[in-house]
C-alpha atoms as a PDB file:
ATOM      1  CA  MET A   1     135.613 147.994  79.191  1.00  0.00           C
ATOM      2  CA  LYS A   2     136.434 148.606  75.549  1.00  0.00           C
ATOM      3  CA  ASN A   3     136.570 144.894  74.739  1.00  0.00           C
ATOM      4  CA  TYR A   4     133.172 144.255  76.319  1.00  0.00           C
ATOM      5  CA  LEU A   5     131.646 147.122  74.367  1.00  0.00           C
ATOM      6  CA  MET A   6     132.956 145.567  71.176  1.00  0.00           C
ATOM      7  CA  VAL A   7     131.170 142.350  72.082  1.00  0.00           C
ATOM      8  CA  TYR A   8     127.924 144.257  72.611  1.00  0.00           C
ATOM      9  CA  VAL A   9     128.181 145.919  69.192  1.00  0.00           C
ATOM     10  CA  PHE A  10     128.929 142.579  67.577  1.00  0.00           C
ATOM     11  CA  LEU A  11     125.821 141.045  69.049  1.00  0.00           C
ATOM     12  CA  THR A  12     123.500 143.805  67.923  1.00  0.00           C
ATOM     13  CA  ALA A  13     124.903 144.300  64.443  1.00  0.00           C
ATOM     14  CA  THR A  14     125.853 140.850  63.142  1.00  0.00           C
ATOM     15  CA  PRO A  15     123.233 138.828  61.222  1.00  0.00           C
ATOM     16  CA  ALA A  16     122.816 135.106  61.824  1.00  0.00           C
ATOM     17  CA  ILE A  17     124.319 134.272  58.434  1.00  0.00           C
ATOM     18  CA  ALA A  18     127.751 135.490  59.659  1.00  0.00           C
ATOM     19  CA  PHE A  19     127.983 132.786  62.329  1.00  0.00           C
ATOM     20  CA  SER A  20     130.061 129.658  61.841  1.00  0.00           C
ATOM     21  CA  ASP A  21     128.316 126.372  60.993  1.00  0.00           C
ATOM     22  CA  VAL A  22     129.043 125.143  64.520  1.00  0.00           C
ATOM     23  CA  THR A  23     127.420 128.183  66.109  1.00  0.00           C
ATOM     24  CA  GLU A  24     124.399 128.049  63.806  1.00  0.00           C
ATOM     25  CA  ASN A  25     123.837 124.374  64.652  1.00  0.00           C
ATOM     26  CA  GLU A  26     124.033 125.152  68.360  1.00  0.00           C
ATOM     27  CA  ILE A  27     121.461 127.932  68.030  1.00  0.00           C
ATOM     28  CA  MET A  28     119.090 125.935  65.809  1.00  0.00           C
ATOM     29  CA  SER A  29     118.880 123.135  68.385  1.00  0.00           C
ATOM     30  CA  LEU A  30     117.841 125.439  71.229  1.00  0.00           C
ATOM     31  CA  ASP A  31     114.416 125.522  72.858  1.00  0.00           C
ATOM     32  CA  LYS A  32     115.119 128.532  75.085  1.00  0.00           C
ATOM     33  CA  PRO A  33     116.376 132.138  74.715  1.00  0.00           C
ATOM     34  CA  TYR A  34     120.086 132.567  74.077  1.00  0.00           C
ATOM     35  CA  THR A  35     122.855 135.148  73.983  1.00  0.00           C
ATOM     36  CA  ILE A  36     126.237 135.153  72.247  1.00  0.00           C
ATOM     37  CA  THR A  37     129.691 136.396  73.173  1.00  0.00           C
ATOM     38  CA  HIS A  38     132.722 136.594  70.899  1.00  0.00           C
ATOM     39  CA  LEU A  39     136.260 135.619  71.856  1.00  0.00           C
ATOM     40  CA  ASP A  40     138.571 137.861  69.836  1.00  0.00           C
ATOM     41  CA  ASN A  41     141.707 135.832  70.607  1.00  0.00           C
ATOM     42  CA  PHE A  42     140.236 132.705  69.015  1.00  0.00           C
ATOM     43  CA  ASP A  43     137.651 134.331  66.705  1.00  0.00           C
ATOM     44  CA  VAL A  44     135.022 132.049  68.230  1.00  0.00           C
ATOM     45  CA  ASP A  45     131.393 132.730  69.107  1.00  0.00           C
ATOM     46  CA  CYS A  46     130.060 131.235  72.354  1.00  0.00           C
ATOM     47  CA  VAL A  47     126.349 130.528  72.770  1.00  0.00           C
ATOM     48  CA  TRP A  48     124.884 130.872  76.270  1.00  0.00           C
ATOM     49  CA  THR A  49     121.525 130.093  77.863  1.00  0.00           C
ATOM     50  CA  ARG A  50     120.194 130.071  81.417  1.00  0.00           C
ATOM     51  CA  ASP A  51     119.363 126.927  83.357  1.00  0.00           C
ATOM     52  CA  GLU A  52     116.302 126.506  85.597  1.00  0.00           C
ATOM     53  CA  GLN A  53     118.104 128.347  88.407  1.00  0.00           C
ATOM     54  CA  GLY A  54     118.896 131.286  86.127  1.00  0.00           C
ATOM     55  CA  ARG A  55     122.594 130.484  85.893  1.00  0.00           C
ATOM     56  CA  LEU A  56     124.474 131.056  82.638  1.00  0.00           C
ATOM     57  CA  GLN A  57     125.536 127.887  80.846  1.00  0.00           C
ATOM     58  CA  SER A  58     127.476 127.333  77.647  1.00  0.00           C
ATOM     59  CA  GLU A  59     125.812 125.508  74.748  1.00  0.00           C
ATOM     60  CA  ALA A  60     129.179 124.847  73.087  1.00  0.00           C
ATOM     61  CA  THR A  61     129.573 121.508  71.318  1.00  0.00           C
ATOM     62  CA  GLY A  62     132.107 119.955  68.968  1.00  0.00           C
ATOM     63  CA  PRO A  63     135.509 121.664  68.781  1.00  0.00           C
ATOM     64  CA  ASP A  64     134.261 124.524  70.962  1.00  0.00           C
ATOM     65  CA  GLY A  65     132.870 122.067  73.552  1.00  0.00           C
ATOM     66  CA  PRO A  66     134.499 121.926  76.972  1.00  0.00           C
ATOM     67  CA  GLY A  67     137.306 124.042  75.548  1.00  0.00           C
ATOM     68  CA  VAL A  68     137.532 127.765  74.818  1.00  0.00           C
ATOM     69  CA  CYS A  69     133.895 128.601  75.572  1.00  0.00           C
ATOM     70  CA  TRP A  70     134.258 127.061  79.028  1.00  0.00           C
ATOM     71  CA  ASP A  71     137.649 128.673  79.603  1.00  0.00           C
ATOM     72  CA  VAL A  72     137.790 130.819  82.742  1.00  0.00           C
ATOM     73  CA  LYS A  73     138.316 133.964  80.641  1.00  0.00           C
ATOM     74  CA  SER A  74     135.216 133.214  78.569  1.00  0.00           C
ATOM     75  CA  VAL A  75     133.129 132.556  81.682  1.00  0.00           C
ATOM     76  CA  ASP A  76     134.432 135.708  83.374  1.00  0.00           C
ATOM     77  CA  GLN A  77     133.572 137.694  80.262  1.00  0.00           C
ATOM     78  CA  VAL A  78     129.952 136.541  80.043  1.00  0.00           C
ATOM     79  CA  VAL A  79     129.425 136.937  83.807  1.00  0.00           C
ATOM     80  CA  ARG A  80     130.798 140.479  83.656  1.00  0.00           C
ATOM     81  CA  LEU A  81     128.595 141.377  80.696  1.00  0.00           C
ATOM     82  CA  ASP A  82     125.594 139.907  82.479  1.00  0.00           C
ATOM     83  CA  LYS A  83     126.222 141.996  85.599  1.00  0.00           C
ATOM     84  CA  GLU A  84     126.631 145.090  83.433  1.00  0.00           C
ATOM     85  CA  LYS A  85     123.364 144.184  81.626  1.00  0.00           C
ATOM     86  CA  LYS A  86     125.124 144.269  78.264  1.00  0.00           C
ATOM     87  CA  LEU A  87     124.132 140.823  77.064  1.00  0.00           C
ATOM     88  CA  VAL A  88     121.654 140.843  74.177  1.00  0.00           C
ATOM     89  CA  TRP A  89     119.115 138.030  74.461  1.00  0.00           C
ATOM     90  CA  HIS A  90     117.319 136.458  71.508  1.00  0.00           C
ATOM     91  CA  ASN A  91     114.359 134.103  71.335  1.00  0.00           C
ATOM     92  CA  GLN A  92     115.092 130.590  70.112  1.00  0.00           C
ATOM     93  CA  PRO A  93     114.560 130.019  66.368  1.00  0.00           C
ATOM     94  CA  LYS A  94     111.029 129.352  65.174  1.00  0.00           C
ATOM     95  CA  PHE A  95     110.998 127.296  62.010  1.00  0.00           C
ATOM     96  CA  GLU A  96     107.601 128.367  60.716  1.00  0.00           C
ATOM     97  CA  TYR A  97     108.516 128.343  57.009  1.00  0.00           C
ATOM     98  CA  GLU A  98     109.598 125.624  54.585  1.00  0.00           C
ATOM     99  CA  TYR A  99     111.041 125.222  51.113  1.00  0.00           C
ATOM    100  CA  GLY A 100     112.126 122.375  48.864  1.00  0.00           C
ATOM    101  CA  ASN A 101     111.474 118.681  48.408  1.00  0.00           C
ATOM    102  CA  LYS A 102     111.620 116.269  51.351  1.00  0.00           C
ATOM    103  CA  ASN A 103     112.992 113.572  49.039  1.00  0.00           C
ATOM    104  CA  LYS A 104     115.999 115.698  48.130  1.00  0.00           C
ATOM    105  CA  CYS A 105     116.616 119.101  49.726  1.00  0.00           C
ATOM    106  CA  TYR A 106     114.142 120.231  52.371  1.00  0.00           C
ATOM    107  CA  TYR A 107     114.658 123.425  54.332  1.00  0.00           C
ATOM    108  CA  ARG A 108     113.050 124.551  57.588  1.00  0.00           C
ATOM    109  CA  VAL A 109     113.374 128.309  57.804  1.00  0.00           C
ATOM    110  CA  ASP A 110     113.314 130.918  60.565  1.00  0.00           C
ATOM    111  CA  LYS A 111     112.883 134.062  58.489  1.00  0.00           C
ATOM    112  CA  LYS A 112     113.136 136.466  61.412  1.00  0.00           C
ATOM    113  CA  GLY A 113     116.443 135.092  62.668  1.00  0.00           C
ATOM    114  CA  GLY A 114     117.774 134.167  59.231  1.00  0.00           C
ATOM    115  CA  PHE A 115     118.358 130.490  60.108  1.00  0.00           C
ATOM    116  CA  VAL A 116     118.014 127.701  57.543  1.00  0.00           C
ATOM    117  CA  ASP A 117     118.011 124.062  58.669  1.00  0.00           C
ATOM    118  CA  VAL A 118     118.760 121.601  55.844  1.00  0.00           C
ATOM    119  CA  GLU A 119     117.274 118.096  55.802  1.00  0.00           C
ATOM    120  CA  LEU A 120     118.549 115.723  53.099  1.00  0.00           C
ATOM    121  CA  GLY A 121     116.601 112.969  51.376  1.00  0.00           C
ATOM    122  CA  ASP A 122     117.630 109.342  51.898  1.00  0.00           C
ATOM    123  CA  SER A 123     118.695 108.572  48.338  1.00  0.00           C
ATOM    124  CA  ILE A 124     120.489 111.712  47.144  1.00  0.00           C
ATOM    125  CA  THR A 125     124.075 111.649  45.899  1.00  0.00           C
ATOM    126  CA  GLU A 126     127.023 113.303  47.602  1.00  0.00           C
ATOM    127  CA  ALA A 127     127.118 115.980  44.900  1.00  0.00           C
ATOM    128  CA  GLU A 128     123.412 116.717  45.411  1.00  0.00           C
ATOM    129  CA  ALA A 129     123.939 116.915  49.166  1.00  0.00           C
ATOM    130  CA  ASP A 130     126.747 119.444  48.677  1.00  0.00           C
ATOM    131  CA  GLU A 131     124.471 121.516  46.450  1.00  0.00           C
ATOM    132  CA  CYS A 132     121.702 121.407  49.044  1.00  0.00           C
ATOM    133  CA  LYS A 133     124.042 122.690  51.746  1.00  0.00           C
ATOM    134  CA  ASN A 134     125.807 125.482  49.863  1.00  0.00           C
ATOM    135  CA  GLU A 135     125.142 129.099  50.799  1.00  0.00           C
ATOM    136  CA  ASN A 136     123.399 130.000  47.549  1.00  0.00           C
ATOM    137  CA  SER A 137     120.853 127.231  48.095  1.00  0.00           C
ATOM    138  CA  LYS A 138     120.273 128.342  51.684  1.00  0.00           C
ATOM    139  CA  GLU A 139     119.807 131.957  50.633  1.00  0.00           C
ATOM    140  CA  LYS A 140     117.299 130.871  47.997  1.00  0.00           C
ATOM    141  CA  ALA A 141     115.384 128.851  50.602  1.00  0.00           C
ATOM    142  CA  LEU A 142     115.386 131.828  52.988  1.00  0.00           C
ATOM    143  CA  SER A 143     113.965 134.046  50.262  1.00  0.00           C
ATOM    144  CA  LEU A 144     111.350 131.688  48.806  1.00  0.00           C
ATOM    145  CA  ALA A 145     110.192 129.721  51.862  1.00  0.00           C
ATOM    146  CA  THR A 146     106.465 129.677  52.571  1.00  0.00           C
ATOM    147  CA  ARG A 147     104.711 129.349  55.917  1.00  0.00           C
ATOM    148  CA  ILE A 148     104.210 125.794  57.197  1.00  0.00           C
ATOM    149  CA  GLU A 149     100.621 124.880  57.893  1.00  0.00           C
ATOM    150  CA  LYS A 150     100.370 124.054  61.576  1.00  0.00           C
ATOM    151  CA  GLU A 151      99.060 120.640  62.496  1.00  0.00           C
ATOM    152  CA  VAL A 152      98.468 118.564  65.603  1.00  0.00           C
ATOM    153  CA  ARG A 153      99.032 114.797  65.502  1.00  0.00           C
ATOM    154  CA  PHE A 154      98.192 112.182  68.109  1.00  0.00           C
ATOM    155  CA  GLY A 155      96.438 108.835  68.308  1.00  0.00           C
ATOM    156  CA  GLY A 156      96.521 108.469  64.537  1.00  0.00           C
ATOM    157  CA  TYR A 157      94.507 111.676  64.082  1.00  0.00           C
ATOM    158  CA  ILE A 158      95.622 114.887  62.407  1.00  0.00           C
ATOM    159  CA  ALA A 159      94.124 118.343  62.962  1.00  0.00           C
ATOM    160  CA  THR A 160      94.941 121.459  60.950  1.00  0.00           C
ATOM    161  CA  LYS A 161      93.754 125.049  61.117  1.00  0.00           C
ATOM    162  CA  ASN A 162      91.687 124.516  57.986  1.00  0.00           C
ATOM    163  CA  ASN A 163      89.820 121.567  59.520  1.00  0.00           C
ATOM    164  CA  ILE A 164      87.921 122.957  62.497  1.00  0.00           C
ATOM    165  CA  LEU A 165      85.580 119.945  62.670  1.00  0.00           C
ATOM    166  CA  GLY A 166      88.543 117.609  63.029  1.00  0.00           C
ATOM    167  CA  SER A 167      90.056 119.871  65.668  1.00  0.00           C
ATOM    168  CA  VAL A 168      86.800 120.008  67.638  1.00  0.00           C
ATOM    169  CA  SER A 169      86.554 116.216  67.485  1.00  0.00           C
ATOM    170  CA  LEU A 170      90.122 115.869  68.786  1.00  0.00           C
ATOM    171  CA  ALA A 171      89.367 118.327  71.591  1.00  0.00           C
ATOM    172  CA  CYS A 172      86.359 116.206  72.552  1.00  0.00           C
ATOM    173  CA  TYR A 173      88.416 112.983  72.448  1.00  0.00           C
ATOM    174  CA  THR A 174      91.094 114.614  74.598  1.00  0.00           C
ATOM    175  CA  GLY A 175      88.636 115.803  77.221  1.00  0.00           C
ATOM    176  CA  SER A 176      87.029 112.362  77.410  1.00  0.00           C
ATOM    177  CA  ILE A 177      90.224 110.636  78.561  1.00  0.00           C
ATOM    178  CA  ASP A 178      89.941 109.240  82.089  1.00  0.00           C
ATOM    179  CA  SER A 179      91.803 111.105  84.826  1.00  0.00           C
ATOM    180  CA  ASN A 180      93.502 108.036  86.338  1.00  0.00           C
ATOM    181  CA  ASP A 181      96.623 108.505  84.161  1.00  0.00           C
ATOM    182  CA  LYS A 182      96.377 104.839  83.129  1.00  0.00           C
ATOM    183  CA  TRP A 183      96.447 105.424  79.381  1.00  0.00           C
ATOM    184  CA  VAL A 184      97.332 109.095  79.014  1.00  0.00           C
ATOM    185  CA  SER A 185      98.837 111.314  81.719  1.00  0.00           C
ATOM    186  CA  LYS A 186      97.347 114.606  82.846  1.00  0.00           C
ATOM    187  CA  GLU A 187     100.408 116.409  81.454  1.00  0.00           C
ATOM    188  CA  GLU A 188      99.924 114.815  78.037  1.00  0.00           C
ATOM    189  CA  ARG A 189      96.191 115.669  77.994  1.00  0.00           C
ATOM    190  CA  THR A 190      97.033 119.284  78.808  1.00  0.00           C
ATOM    191  CA  LYS A 191      99.739 119.354  76.123  1.00  0.00           C
ATOM    192  CA  ARG A 192      97.308 118.064  73.484  1.00  0.00           C
ATOM    193  CA  TYR A 193      94.603 120.511  74.485  1.00  0.00           C
ATOM    194  CA  ASN A 194      96.973 123.483  74.370  1.00  0.00           C
ATOM    195  CA  ALA A 195      98.321 122.340  70.994  1.00  0.00           C
ATOM    196  CA  LEU A 196      94.778 122.371  69.566  1.00  0.00           C
ATOM    197  CA  LEU A 197      94.149 125.842  70.964  1.00  0.00           C
ATOM    198  CA  SER A 198      97.402 127.078  69.429  1.00  0.00           C
ATOM    199  CA  LEU A 199      96.127 126.182  65.943  1.00  0.00           C
ATOM    200  CA  TYR A 200      93.521 128.919  66.285  1.00  0.00           C
ATOM    201  CA  GLU A 201      95.515 131.653  67.963  1.00  0.00           C
ATOM    202  CA  ASN A 202      93.736 135.006  67.489  1.00  0.00           C
ATOM    203  CA  ASP A 203      90.629 133.175  66.218  1.00  0.00           C
ATOM    204  CA  ASN A 204      88.352 133.631  69.224  1.00  0.00           C
ATOM    205  CA  LEU A 205      85.312 131.902  67.712  1.00  0.00           C
ATOM    206  CA  ASN A 206      87.088 128.640  66.933  1.00  0.00           C
ATOM    207  CA  MET A 207      89.100 128.722  70.162  1.00  0.00           C
ATOM    208  CA  LYS A 208      85.742 128.878  71.948  1.00  0.00           C
ATOM    209  CA  ARG A 209      84.598 125.761  70.071  1.00  0.00           C
ATOM    210  CA  ILE A 210      87.748 123.908  71.118  1.00  0.00           C
ATOM    211  CA  ARG A 211      87.234 124.895  74.758  1.00  0.00           C
ATOM    212  CA  GLU A 212      83.561 123.942  74.734  1.00  0.00           C
ATOM    213  CA  ALA A 213      84.226 120.534  73.160  1.00  0.00           C
ATOM    214  CA  PHE A 214      86.967 119.767  75.681  1.00  0.00           C
ATOM    215  CA  THR A 215      84.869 120.956  78.639  1.00  0.00           C
ATOM    216  CA  PHE A 216      81.805 119.012  77.493  1.00  0.00           C
ATOM    217  CA  SER A 217      83.645 115.698  77.311  1.00  0.00           C
ATOM    218  CA  ARG A 218      85.647 116.399  80.450  1.00  0.00           C
ATOM    219  CA  ASN A 219      82.408 116.893  82.425  1.00  0.00           C
ATOM    220  CA  ASN A 220      80.248 114.260  80.723  1.00  0.00           C
ATOM    221  CA  LEU A 221      82.457 111.488  79.333  1.00  0.00           C
ATOM    222  CA  SER A 222      85.662 111.288  81.350  1.00  0.00           C
ATOM    223  CA  ASP A 223      85.586 108.768  84.240  1.00  0.00           C
ATOM    224  CA  ARG A 224      82.002 107.758  83.336  1.00  0.00           C
ATOM    225  CA  TYR A 225      82.545 104.546  81.351  1.00  0.00           C
ATOM    226  CA  PRO A 226      85.058 102.237  83.091  1.00  0.00           C
ATOM    227  CA  LEU A 227      84.465  99.376  80.603  1.00  0.00           C
ATOM    228  CA  ASP A 228      85.148 101.636  77.618  1.00  0.00           C
ATOM    229  CA  THR A 229      88.911 101.179  78.042  1.00  0.00           C
ATOM    230  CA  ARG A 230      89.858 102.196  74.499  1.00  0.00           C
ATOM    231  CA  GLY A 231      87.408 105.086  74.475  1.00  0.00           C
ATOM    232  CA  GLN A 232      85.524 103.785  71.431  1.00  0.00           C
ATOM    233  CA  TYR A 233      82.091 104.620  72.851  1.00  0.00           C
ATOM    234  CA  ARG A 234      83.206 108.085  73.892  1.00  0.00           C
ATOM    235  CA  VAL A 235      84.722 108.723  70.463  1.00  0.00           C
ATOM    236  CA  ARG A 236      81.388 107.812  68.848  1.00  0.00           C
ATOM    237  CA  ILE A 237      79.586 110.287  71.120  1.00  0.00           C
ATOM    238  CA  CYS A 238      82.080 113.027  70.185  1.00  0.00           C
ATOM    239  CA  ASP A 239      81.668 112.262  66.486  1.00  0.00           C
ATOM    240  CA  GLN A 240      77.884 112.423  66.701  1.00  0.00           C
ATOM    241  CA  MET A 241      77.943 115.671  68.652  1.00  0.00           C
ATOM    242  CA  VAL A 242      80.186 117.269  66.002  1.00  0.00           C
ATOM    243  CA  LEU A 243      78.142 115.911  63.071  1.00  0.00           C
ATOM    244  CA  LYS A 244      74.923 117.253  64.605  1.00  0.00           C
ATOM    245  CA  GLY A 245      76.520 120.675  65.135  1.00  0.00           C
ATOM    246  CA  LYS A 246      76.250 120.518  68.914  1.00  0.00           C
ATOM    247  CA  LEU A 247      79.971 121.201  69.444  1.00  0.00           C
END
């Protein structure tokens, strides 16, 4: 019991910056909640998630891959902690901040979790790359990073929170797509619509405009013009409705 309690304390007290590079990379690639156990004998952290059936699965890669983190002792440990409800679960990183120059050192930052993802420019030298990746540079990025402006891209169009007219137009285009899944699937239409709504989270007035534009074109333009295969006529209608302030 004592060893498991030590794992629990480790998980609640240790900041992300104390993890190894391997563990940080595993966490930064996740798109689902995760928990971490620590193997004292090897001084290794093991990252765990749940699959669609709710079963624990290791996210270990590289030297920790199908080795120590999948060892029977490691699996027994995480299963025991799970049954005792001692695992601490964390949301996956959200890289909502940025810092740097995309041509040299560009950092995506999760300020809450303390994670810094480094992206290197194509033409930088090895020495510059080393500087980009050192801890001092990462700490500076974590401190100075600013929030990334959200945007939605599809079909050659870009919508941002500061461009409500463009967002309303995209919502209208999305709603006008035919329902036969020939060009764009229902799942993709829904994904685009939800992405536009997410730009205006907590902005009820503009979310209403997005909904109304989508509903208008869904009811009046979709499946109405079988010869308008590329949607050019429907796009013109959407544009005119927005310009005239009707959406």
